Amino acid sequence: MTKKQTPPLPDFPRTNYHVVKIGKRWYLKVGGEVIDSKPAQRDIVRPLRIHCTQMWRVCRVPSEIWLHGKDGQVRQKDSYGCDPRETKG
């Protein structure tokens, strides 16, 4: 029995999206630059998850969403594409 071949990694670098709260609004940052802001975190996260899923399925562009809490600490990370397999063989 042969091992299943994994596809090669795409040439695109992983895009890191940070969702942070500043004042009373939630901001979406990419590379330190503010891309969007909304009054509620879910208003940024829901469409961002759809975007990241589509970018991986269609274009094979990996990405990661970093959700920061109100205190600024990372409370959750979600990655899309190129995840290492946790199963053996």
Protein backbone atom coordinates (compact mmCIF):
# COMPACT_ATOMS: atom_id res chain seq x y z
CA MET A 1 0.00 0.00 0.00
CA THR A 2 1.38 3.40 -0.95
CA LYS A 3 0.96 6.63 0.94
CA LYS A 4 -1.46 9.16 -0.42
CA GLN A 5 0.45 11.95 -2.16
CA THR A 6 -0.19 15.43 -0.78
CA PRO A 7 -0.38 18.29 -3.27
CA PRO A 8 2.54 20.72 -3.30
CA LEU A 9 2.15 23.89 -1.29
CA PRO A 10 1.11 26.93 -3.29
CA ASP A 11 3.63 29.68 -3.95
CA PHE A 12 1.41 32.26 -2.24
CA PRO A 13 2.40 33.39 1.25
CA ARG A 14 -0.17 32.89 3.99
CA THR A 15 -2.30 36.01 4.55
CA ASN A 16 -2.82 36.83 8.22
CA TYR A 17 -6.01 38.71 9.11
CA HIS A 18 -6.22 40.27 12.59
CA VAL A 19 -9.55 41.30 14.12
CA VAL A 20 -8.90 43.73 16.98
CA LYS A 21 -10.95 46.10 19.12
CA ILE A 22 -9.86 49.72 19.34
CA GLY A 23 -12.17 51.99 21.29
CA LYS A 24 -15.76 51.00 20.58
CA ARG A 25 -15.17 49.46 17.12
CA TRP A 26 -13.69 46.25 15.75
CA TYR A 27 -11.05 46.57 13.06
CA LEU A 28 -9.77 44.19 10.39
CA LYS A 29 -6.01 44.54 9.88
CA VAL A 30 -3.77 42.98 7.25
CA GLY A 31 -0.04 43.62 7.51
CA GLY A 32 -0.65 46.32 10.12
CA GLU A 33 -2.94 48.27 7.80
CA VAL A 34 -6.61 48.80 8.69
CA ILE A 35 -8.85 47.36 5.97
CA ASP A 36 -12.32 47.70 7.53
CA SER A 37 -14.12 48.52 10.78
CA LYS A 38 -17.52 47.57 12.20
CA PRO A 39 -19.33 48.07 15.51
CA ALA A 40 -19.60 44.29 16.15
CA GLN A 41 -16.90 41.63 15.78
CA ARG A 42 -19.28 39.18 14.09
CA ASP A 43 -19.90 41.73 11.31
CA ILE A 44 -16.25 41.40 10.32
CA VAL A 45 -15.68 37.71 11.07
CA ARG A 46 -18.61 36.16 9.18
CA PRO A 47 -17.79 37.55 5.72
CA LEU A 48 -14.06 37.12 6.39
CA ARG A 49 -14.50 33.37 7.02
CA ILE A 50 -16.41 33.02 3.75
CA HIS A 51 -13.70 34.98 1.91
CA CYS A 52 -10.87 32.85 3.34
CA THR A 53 -12.70 29.61 2.54
CA GLN A 54 -13.32 30.69 -1.05
CA MET A 55 -9.76 31.91 -1.54
CA TRP A 56 -8.43 28.50 -0.50
CA ARG A 57 -10.96 26.41 -2.47
CA VAL A 58 -10.76 28.43 -5.68
CA CYS A 59 -7.30 30.02 -5.74
CA ARG A 60 -5.38 27.80 -3.26
CA VAL A 61 -4.33 30.90 -1.29
CA PRO A 62 -3.81 29.99 2.39
CA SER A 63 -4.85 32.39 5.14
CA GLU A 64 -5.27 32.66 8.87
CA ILE A 65 -7.71 34.67 11.00
CA TRP A 66 -6.43 35.89 14.39
CA LEU A 67 -9.28 36.91 16.70
CA HIS A 68 -8.17 39.20 19.50
CA GLY A 69 -10.26 39.70 22.63
CA LYS A 70 -11.20 43.06 24.13
CA ASP A 71 -7.94 42.90 26.12
CA GLY A 72 -5.89 42.61 22.90
CA GLN A 73 -4.75 39.02 23.54
CA VAL A 74 -5.23 36.40 20.79
CA ARG A 75 -8.14 34.22 21.85
CA GLN A 76 -8.62 32.16 18.68
CA LYS A 77 -6.82 31.36 15.43
CA ASP A 78 -8.47 29.79 12.40
CA SER A 79 -6.40 28.67 9.43
CA TYR A 80 -7.58 27.97 5.91
CA GLY A 81 -5.45 25.72 3.73
CA CYS A 82 -2.06 24.02 4.10
CA ASP A 83 -2.81 22.62 7.54
CA PRO A 84 -0.43 19.87 8.65
CA ARG A 85 -2.08 16.46 8.95
CA GLU A 86 -2.49 15.20 12.48
CA THR A 87 -3.03 11.58 11.47
CA LYS A 88 -0.20 9.09 10.99
CA GLY A 89 0.64 7.65 7.61
